[in-house]
Amino acid sequence: MSFSRFLLTVFIILGRDFCDANQPSVPEAPTLTSSVKGSSVELLCQAPQGSGGVEFKLFRVHKMIDTKTYSSKQRDALFVLKGDDTRNEDLYCCQYDSSMFSSYFSLEIKSKVSASPPSPPELMVRPSNDYIGTGQTLTFTCQTSPAPLNTPPDAFFLLRISRGTPSSMLNPPKLVSRSQNPSFSVKAMGREDSGEYACLYQLTLPKTGRVNSTSSRPVPITVVDLPVPTLSLSNDVLECVGSASYPQASFSLFRVGNMSPVASRQFSLTKHSAPFPITNHNDHDTLYQCQYTVPMGNSHLHSKMSNTVNLPCNKGHCASPPAENTGRTDLALIIGSVSAGVLFLMVVALLSFAIHRGVNTLAEKRRKREQEQFWQKLSSRDHVVDLPLQCVDYEFQV
């Protein structure tokens, strides 16, 4: 193999398509060196000191596979090889402008340096249905290989590839979520969440640094947005109409507030509606809704509830429905009772305050009245006597 490569190299170098030894004005040949960067290989085409060019070309054997063009003269150009371009058996050389070709370079030794990526994980989803309805939550688990990893993963990534385009270059994966936990919860909001879901993990290795594993096997998920049914009343018949795009559906009629269906109907492939005859008109102000269920894969998808229809009474004679004993305490009744009790206590407190204040006022008046009576009695005991005074004349005789 080495001898055949040597002959091929000599043949190509001496070929007239690549160089002409009779032209002394041809610039000197560049050098081609390589370095491994993860899963890719970088090739540096470098002109001799004092030389340069505006166009650098990279060849695999005698076929040009890449070119670099600059606005001014450059001494070197960097080429990056990925994927199928890094085959071991190929020979590479480079050229700048109309220079001689570099020596051929083999990637056989360099390609062995790159380590293989970690093993792909397995993506598990619950519920395990290919079809889900809008508003439903999916739980994805990115499970690593059963063999224990020497280095635990740093992060997990959940990806989605939309359907409709086979080429991943035209339709690249979209990052849905990144987490240190291998579990992801995703709520399907609409048809745009449909696609193929895959996961991968990232870890840090001592020699190569941070690397990503290959992605898991994709899991197809289709989000179905069922149209909302319509419910109408005509001639004592409630009719629930679904979507013509989803035949063979089963229809259910519900009383508003009750999750148990009153009646259910299932029809043939051509039917997308169901009639529900009304047999009892004694219900008082009863509201009805309907819903249809469609089989999808290994599951059944439920539509949203339809509009409400009020069932009128027959000839105005309506019997009030008996109170249902749900076994649960009525919260409104409790709040009303507490409010009434608080109001009653406030009224009692106000009355007590008013009575207490009135009693104090009467007691104060009574005390003042008793004091007045006491001072009146005390004043009546002080008797004042008027004694008349008569003047007596005494005559003194000498």
Protein backbone atom coordinates (compact mmCIF):
# COMPACT_ATOMS: atom_id res chain seq x y z
CA MET A 1 0.00 0.00 0.00
CA SER A 2 2.83 2.46 0.87
CA PHE A 3 4.69 1.68 -2.39
CA SER A 4 1.56 2.23 -4.49
CA ARG A 5 0.96 5.56 -2.75
CA PHE A 6 4.55 6.56 -3.47
CA LEU A 7 4.14 5.78 -7.15
CA LEU A 8 0.83 7.66 -7.24
CA THR A 9 2.44 10.68 -5.59
CA VAL A 10 5.32 10.69 -8.05
CA PHE A 11 2.95 10.32 -10.99
CA ILE A 12 0.72 13.18 -9.89
CA ILE A 13 3.58 15.53 -9.08
CA LEU A 14 5.15 14.93 -12.47
CA GLY A 15 1.82 15.30 -14.26
CA ARG A 16 1.31 18.32 -16.46
CA ASP A 17 -2.06 19.07 -14.89
CA PHE A 18 -0.40 20.11 -11.66
CA CYS A 19 3.00 21.49 -12.45
CA ASP A 20 5.36 22.15 -15.30
CA ALA A 21 9.05 21.83 -14.60
CA ASN A 22 9.88 23.90 -17.70
CA GLN A 23 8.42 27.02 -16.16
CA PRO A 24 11.00 28.56 -13.81
CA SER A 25 8.60 31.34 -12.80
CA VAL A 26 6.37 28.99 -10.82
CA PRO A 27 6.35 29.96 -7.08
CA GLU A 28 7.73 27.56 -4.54
CA ALA A 29 5.48 24.87 -3.11
CA PRO A 30 3.66 25.47 0.21
CA THR A 31 3.70 23.14 3.21
CA LEU A 32 0.62 21.28 4.47
CA THR A 33 0.26 20.44 8.16
CA SER A 34 -2.67 19.07 10.16
CA SER A 35 -4.11 19.11 13.67
CA VAL A 36 -7.05 17.19 15.17
CA LYS A 37 -9.87 19.20 16.77
CA GLY A 38 -12.37 16.74 18.24
CA SER A 39 -14.09 14.97 15.35
CA SER A 40 -12.66 17.32 12.71
CA VAL A 41 -9.19 17.82 11.18
CA GLU A 42 -7.65 21.22 10.41
CA LEU A 43 -5.21 21.47 7.48
CA LEU A 44 -2.94 24.54 7.30
CA CYS A 45 -1.60 25.40 3.85
CA GLN A 46 1.37 27.77 4.38
CA ALA A 47 3.47 29.50 1.70
CA PRO A 48 7.27 29.89 2.11
CA GLN A 49 8.66 32.92 3.88
CA GLY A 50 8.25 36.03 1.73
CA SER A 51 5.65 34.39 -0.53
CA GLY A 52 1.87 34.41 -0.51
CA GLY A 53 -1.27 34.40 -2.58
CA VAL A 54 -4.89 35.48 -2.76
CA GLU A 55 -6.30 32.04 -3.57
CA PHE A 56 -5.52 28.79 -1.77
CA LYS A 57 -6.77 25.40 -3.00
CA LEU A 58 -7.01 22.05 -1.26
CA PHE A 59 -6.90 18.82 -3.28
CA ARG A 60 -7.77 15.23 -2.48
CA VAL A 61 -5.43 13.32 -4.82
CA HIS A 62 -6.06 15.34 -8.02
CA LYS A 63 -9.59 16.68 -7.22
CA MET A 64 -10.03 20.13 -5.71
CA ILE A 65 -12.34 19.89 -2.68
CA ASP A 66 -12.06 23.37 -1.13
CA THR A 67 -10.76 26.86 -1.87
CA LYS A 68 -10.09 30.06 0.08
CA THR A 69 -10.04 33.46 -1.61
CA TYR A 70 -8.77 36.68 -0.01
CA SER A 71 -8.79 40.32 -1.07
CA SER A 72 -5.05 40.68 -0.42
CA LYS A 73 -2.09 38.36 -0.37
CA GLN A 74 -1.97 35.97 2.54
CA ARG A 75 0.75 33.60 3.57
CA ASP A 76 -1.48 30.77 4.80
CA ALA A 77 -5.04 29.41 4.72
CA LEU A 78 -6.85 27.03 7.09
CA PHE A 79 -9.06 24.22 5.80
CA VAL A 80 -11.38 22.17 8.05
CA LEU A 81 -12.33 18.58 7.18
CA LYS A 82 -15.34 16.87 8.75
CA GLY A 83 -17.19 13.61 8.30
CA ASP A 84 -16.49 11.76 5.05
CA ASP A 85 -13.72 14.21 4.12
CA THR A 86 -11.43 12.63 6.73
CA ARG A 87 -11.07 9.19 5.15
CA ASN A 88 -7.85 7.39 6.07
CA GLU A 89 -6.88 6.20 2.62
CA ASP A 90 -6.96 9.63 0.96
CA LEU A 91 -3.99 11.86 0.12
CA TYR A 92 -4.16 15.65 0.35
CA CYS A 93 -2.10 18.51 -1.07
CA CYS A 94 -2.55 22.26 -1.46
CA GLN A 95 -1.56 25.14 -3.74
CA TYR A 96 -1.64 28.95 -3.59
CA ASP A 97 -2.34 30.90 -6.79
CA SER A 98 -0.23 29.15 -9.52
CA SER A 99 2.45 27.79 -7.23
CA MET A 100 3.83 24.29 -7.17
CA PHE A 101 1.83 21.74 -5.23
CA SER A 102 2.76 20.80 -1.70
CA SER A 103 3.86 17.33 -0.74
CA TYR A 104 1.02 14.88 -0.35
CA PHE A 105 -0.22 14.32 3.15
CA SER A 106 -2.04 11.27 4.54
CA LEU A 107 -4.52 11.41 7.43
CA GLU A 108 -3.94 7.79 8.36
CA ILE A 109 -1.92 8.56 11.49
CA LYS A 110 -3.80 11.67 12.51
CA SER A 111 -7.26 10.19 12.22
CA LYS A 112 -6.43 7.49 14.75
CA VAL A 113 -5.89 10.13 17.41
CA SER A 114 -9.53 11.23 17.53
CA ALA A 115 -11.54 9.23 20.07
CA SER A 116 -14.94 7.81 19.26
CA PRO A 117 -17.89 9.69 20.80
CA PRO A 118 -19.70 8.24 23.83
CA SER A 119 -22.37 5.64 23.21
CA PRO A 120 -25.83 7.01 22.38
CA PRO A 121 -28.50 7.12 25.10
CA GLU A 122 -32.03 5.75 24.89
CA LEU A 123 -35.00 8.11 24.90
CA MET A 124 -38.15 6.93 26.68
CA VAL A 125 -41.46 8.81 26.71
CA ARG A 126 -44.61 8.57 28.81
CA PRO A 127 -47.35 8.13 27.82
CA SER A 128 -45.95 5.89 25.10
CA ASN A 129 -48.31 7.03 22.34
CA ASP A 130 -47.39 8.28 18.90
CA TYR A 131 -50.41 10.64 18.95
CA ILE A 132 -51.25 13.09 21.71
CA GLY A 133 -53.76 15.90 22.08
CA THR A 134 -53.10 19.57 22.66
CA GLY A 135 -52.55 20.44 26.29
CA GLN A 136 -51.22 16.98 27.13
CA THR A 137 -47.90 16.75 28.99
CA LEU A 138 -45.18 14.34 27.91
CA THR A 139 -42.37 13.09 30.14
CA PHE A 140 -39.10 12.28 28.35
CA THR A 141 -36.28 10.33 30.03
CA CYS A 142 -32.80 10.28 28.48
CA GLN A 143 -31.34 7.02 29.74
CA THR A 144 -27.62 6.41 29.35
CA SER A 145 -25.99 3.09 28.51
CA PRO A 146 -26.45 0.27 31.05
CA ALA A 147 -22.66 0.08 31.37
CA PRO A 148 -21.59 2.60 34.03
CA LEU A 149 -19.81 5.70 32.78
CA ASN A 150 -16.47 6.59 34.29
CA THR A 151 -17.47 10.26 34.15
CA PRO A 152 -21.06 11.30 34.94
CA PRO A 153 -22.77 13.45 32.30
CA ASP A 154 -22.64 17.21 32.79
CA ALA A 155 -25.90 17.96 30.98
CA PHE A 156 -28.69 16.38 28.94
CA PHE A 157 -30.25 17.88 25.80
CA LEU A 158 -33.68 17.22 24.31
CA LEU A 159 -33.92 17.90 20.56
CA ARG A 160 -36.81 18.03 18.09
CA ILE A 161 -36.61 17.61 14.33
CA SER A 162 -39.71 18.84 12.52
CA ARG A 163 -41.17 16.56 9.93
CA GLY A 164 -41.51 17.26 6.24
CA THR A 165 -37.84 17.74 5.28
CA PRO A 166 -35.56 14.69 5.01
CA SER A 167 -32.33 16.68 5.02
CA SER A 168 -31.01 17.68 8.44
CA MET A 169 -29.00 20.50 6.82
CA LEU A 170 -32.22 22.11 5.57
CA ASN A 171 -34.14 21.31 8.74
CA PRO A 172 -31.69 21.32 11.68
CA PRO A 173 -32.70 19.97 15.10
CA LYS A 174 -34.18 22.44 17.55
CA LEU A 175 -33.13 22.48 21.18
CA VAL A 176 -36.26 21.92 23.27
CA SER A 177 -34.67 21.84 26.72
CA ARG A 178 -31.33 21.54 28.52
CA SER A 179 -31.05 20.16 32.03
CA GLN A 180 -28.72 18.40 34.43
CA ASN A 181 -31.59 16.00 35.10
CA PRO A 182 -32.23 13.28 32.50
CA SER A 183 -36.01 13.82 32.72
CA PHE A 184 -37.90 16.47 30.74
CA SER A 185 -41.57 17.53 30.92
CA VAL A 186 -42.98 19.03 27.74
CA LYS A 187 -46.54 20.31 27.34
CA ALA A 188 -47.83 20.04 23.78
CA MET A 189 -49.31 23.42 22.88
CA GLY A 190 -50.11 22.78 19.19
CA ARG A 191 -49.18 21.03 15.99
CA GLU A 192 -45.87 22.88 15.86
CA ASP A 193 -44.69 20.60 18.67
CA SER A 194 -44.98 17.55 16.40
CA GLY A 195 -41.80 15.92 15.15
CA GLU A 196 -39.12 13.42 16.03
CA TYR A 197 -37.62 13.82 19.47
CA ALA A 198 -34.10 12.71 20.37
CA CYS A 199 -31.67 13.32 23.21
CA LEU A 200 -27.94 13.35 23.86
CA TYR A 201 -25.70 13.99 26.83
CA GLN A 202 -22.51 15.96 27.36
CA LEU A 203 -19.58 15.01 29.54
CA THR A 204 -16.00 16.12 30.18
CA LEU A 205 -13.22 13.62 29.49
CA PRO A 206 -9.69 14.04 30.89
CA LYS A 207 -7.92 13.90 27.51
CA THR A 208 -10.36 15.32 24.99
CA GLY A 209 -12.27 17.76 27.19
CA ARG A 210 -16.00 18.35 26.76
CA VAL A 211 -17.62 16.03 24.21
CA ASN A 212 -21.18 15.21 23.15
CA SER A 213 -22.56 11.74 22.73
CA THR A 214 -24.27 10.67 19.56
CA SER A 215 -28.00 11.30 19.61
CA SER A 216 -30.49 8.65 20.60
CA ARG A 217 -32.88 6.92 18.25
CA PRO A 218 -35.65 9.42 17.40
CA VAL A 219 -39.12 9.01 18.85
CA PRO A 220 -41.97 10.25 16.60
CA ILE A 221 -44.63 12.39 18.27
CA THR A 222 -47.71 13.75 16.48
CA VAL A 223 -49.79 16.44 18.19
CA VAL A 224 -53.43 16.34 17.08
CA ASP A 225 -55.61 19.40 17.60
CA LEU A 226 -59.17 18.06 17.36
CA PRO A 227 -61.77 20.66 16.30
CA VAL A 228 -64.26 21.66 18.98
CA PRO A 229 -67.68 20.01 18.43
CA THR A 230 -70.96 21.93 18.23
CA LEU A 231 -74.17 21.06 20.10
CA SER A 232 -77.61 22.19 18.92
CA LEU A 233 -81.25 21.49 19.88
CA SER A 234 -83.94 20.80 17.28
CA ASN A 235 -87.29 18.99 17.69
CA ASP A 236 -86.46 17.47 21.08
CA VAL A 237 -83.13 16.17 19.77
CA LEU A 238 -79.68 17.33 20.86
CA GLU A 239 -77.22 16.82 17.98
CA CYS A 240 -73.46 16.78 18.55
CA VAL A 241 -71.45 17.46 15.36
CA GLY A 242 -67.74 16.64 15.25
CA SER A 243 -65.20 16.91 12.42
CA ALA A 244 -65.53 15.19 9.05
CA SER A 245 -61.75 14.67 9.09
CA TYR A 246 -62.10 12.23 11.99
CA PRO A 247 -64.85 9.68 11.27
CA GLN A 248 -65.66 6.65 13.39
CA ALA A 249 -65.71 8.81 16.50
CA SER A 250 -67.72 8.07 19.63
CA PHE A 251 -69.86 10.90 21.04
CA SER A 252 -70.82 11.54 24.67
CA LEU A 253 -73.40 13.89 26.18
CA PHE A 254 -72.73 15.54 29.55
CA ARG A 255 -74.62 17.67 32.00
CA VAL A 256 -72.58 20.75 32.86
CA GLY A 257 -70.77 20.14 36.12
CA ASN A 258 -71.00 16.35 35.88
CA MET A 259 -68.05 14.44 34.40
CA SER A 260 -70.07 11.24 33.94
CA PRO A 261 -71.73 11.08 30.51
CA VAL A 262 -75.52 10.99 30.32
CA ALA A 263 -75.43 9.02 27.06
CA SER A 264 -72.87 7.78 24.50
CA ARG A 265 -73.16 7.00 20.77
CA GLN A 266 -70.80 5.47 18.20
CA PHE A 267 -71.49 5.41 14.48
CA SER A 268 -70.05 4.14 11.21
CA LEU A 269 -67.10 5.43 9.19
CA THR A 270 -69.20 7.96 7.32
CA LYS A 271 -70.83 9.58 10.36
CA HIS A 272 -69.32 12.52 12.19
CA SER A 273 -72.36 13.53 14.28
CA ALA A 274 -74.65 11.91 16.83
CA PRO A 275 -78.28 12.66 17.84
CA PHE A 276 -79.41 12.42 21.47
CA PRO A 277 -83.23 12.33 21.82
CA ILE A 278 -84.65 14.16 24.84
CA THR A 279 -87.01 11.99 26.85
CA ASN A 280 -87.40 14.07 30.02
CA HIS A 281 -88.41 17.75 30.05
CA ASN A 282 -88.84 18.01 33.82
CA ASP A 283 -85.25 19.09 34.40
CA HIS A 284 -85.01 22.63 35.68
CA ASP A 285 -82.66 24.87 33.65
CA THR A 286 -80.34 22.01 32.66
CA LEU A 287 -77.24 22.83 30.60
CA TYR A 288 -75.71 20.20 28.30
CA GLN A 289 -72.36 19.77 26.54
CA CYS A 290 -70.93 17.10 24.26
CA GLN A 291 -67.54 15.63 23.39
CA TYR A 292 -66.20 13.14 20.85
CA THR A 293 -63.37 10.62 21.10
CA VAL A 294 -61.21 9.47 18.16
CA PRO A 295 -59.01 6.34 18.07
CA MET A 296 -55.40 7.24 17.18
CA GLY A 297 -52.79 4.50 17.03
CA ASN A 298 -52.87 2.66 20.34
CA SER A 299 -54.67 5.45 22.20
CA HIS A 300 -57.85 7.52 22.13
CA LEU A 301 -57.87 11.31 21.88
CA HIS A 302 -60.64 13.42 23.39
CA SER A 303 -61.85 16.69 21.94
CA LYS A 304 -62.64 19.76 24.01
CA MET A 305 -66.15 20.31 25.33
CA SER A 306 -68.70 21.86 22.98
CA ASN A 307 -70.80 24.93 23.55
CA THR A 308 -73.53 24.70 26.21
CA VAL A 309 -77.22 24.27 25.34
CA ASN A 310 -80.01 25.05 27.82
CA LEU A 311 -82.82 22.50 27.73
CA PRO A 312 -86.15 24.41 28.06
CA CYS A 313 -89.06 23.09 30.12
CA ASN A 314 -92.10 21.49 28.48
CA LYS A 315 -95.04 23.93 28.55
CA GLY A 316 -93.46 25.85 31.38
CA HIS A 317 -93.85 23.09 33.96
CA CYS A 318 -90.47 22.60 35.54
CA ALA A 319 -89.71 20.62 38.60
CA SER A 320 -86.89 21.90 40.69
CA PRO A 321 -84.22 19.26 40.90
CA PRO A 322 -83.61 17.75 44.31
CA ALA A 323 -80.55 18.87 46.13
CA GLU A 324 -77.70 16.52 45.49
CA ASN A 325 -75.86 15.18 48.48
CA THR A 326 -72.29 15.30 47.30
CA GLY A 327 -70.88 14.42 50.70
CA ARG A 328 -68.78 17.60 50.69
CA THR A 329 -69.30 20.65 52.88
CA ASP A 330 -70.65 23.65 50.99
CA LEU A 331 -67.98 26.32 51.23
CA ALA A 332 -70.44 29.13 50.45
CA LEU A 333 -72.72 27.95 53.26
CA ILE A 334 -69.82 27.96 55.71
CA ILE A 335 -68.75 31.46 54.68
CA GLY A 336 -72.34 32.74 54.96
CA SER A 337 -72.78 31.19 58.39
CA VAL A 338 -69.53 32.66 59.67
CA SER A 339 -70.45 36.09 58.27
CA ALA A 340 -73.88 35.95 59.93
CA GLY A 341 -72.30 34.93 63.25
CA VAL A 342 -69.77 37.78 63.08
CA LEU A 343 -72.54 40.28 62.25
CA PHE A 344 -74.64 39.03 65.13
CA LEU A 345 -71.72 39.38 67.55
CA MET A 346 -71.09 42.94 66.31
CA VAL A 347 -74.77 43.86 66.88
CA VAL A 348 -74.69 42.32 70.37
CA ALA A 349 -71.50 44.20 71.17
CA LEU A 350 -72.99 47.52 69.99
CA LEU A 351 -76.16 46.96 72.00
CA SER A 352 -74.16 46.04 75.09
CA PHE A 353 -72.06 49.18 74.72
CA ALA A 354 -75.16 51.36 74.29
CA ILE A 355 -76.92 49.77 77.29
CA HIS A 356 -73.80 50.10 79.44
CA ARG A 357 -73.44 53.74 78.50
CA GLY A 358 -77.14 54.41 79.23
CA VAL A 359 -76.91 52.73 82.61
CA ASN A 360 -73.85 54.82 83.48
CA THR A 361 -75.68 57.99 82.43
CA LEU A 362 -78.75 57.14 84.55
CA ALA A 363 -76.54 56.28 87.52
CA GLU A 364 -74.74 59.62 87.20
CA LYS A 365 -78.05 61.51 87.07
CA ARG A 366 -79.34 59.60 90.09
CA ARG A 367 -76.15 60.39 92.04
CA LYS A 368 -76.46 64.09 91.26
CA ARG A 369 -80.12 64.07 92.24
CA GLU A 370 -79.35 62.41 95.59
CA GLN A 371 -76.63 64.96 96.29
CA GLU A 372 -79.08 67.81 95.64
CA GLN A 373 -81.63 66.26 97.97
CA PHE A 374 -78.97 65.79 100.65
CA TRP A 375 -77.90 69.43 100.56
CA GLN A 376 -81.53 70.54 100.61
CA LYS A 377 -82.19 68.50 103.75
CA LEU A 378 -79.03 69.81 105.35
CA SER A 379 -80.02 73.39 104.59
CA SER A 380 -83.47 72.90 106.11
CA ARG A 381 -81.94 71.94 109.50
CA ASP A 382 -80.18 75.34 110.00
CA HIS A 383 -82.99 77.45 111.86
CA VAL A 384 -82.45 81.22 111.99
CA VAL A 385 -84.41 83.01 114.92
CA ASP A 386 -85.25 86.71 114.69
CA LEU A 387 -85.38 88.26 118.11
CA PRO A 388 -86.98 91.72 118.19
CA LEU A 389 -84.94 94.25 120.06
CA GLN A 390 -86.68 97.01 122.04
CA CYS A 391 -84.96 100.12 123.19
CA VAL A 392 -85.40 100.83 126.97
CA ASP A 393 -84.81 104.27 128.27
CA TYR A 394 -83.36 104.53 131.70
CA GLU A 395 -83.55 107.83 133.40
CA PHE A 396 -81.07 108.54 136.06
CA GLN A 397 -81.93 110.90 138.73
CA VAL A 398 -79.37 112.70 140.64
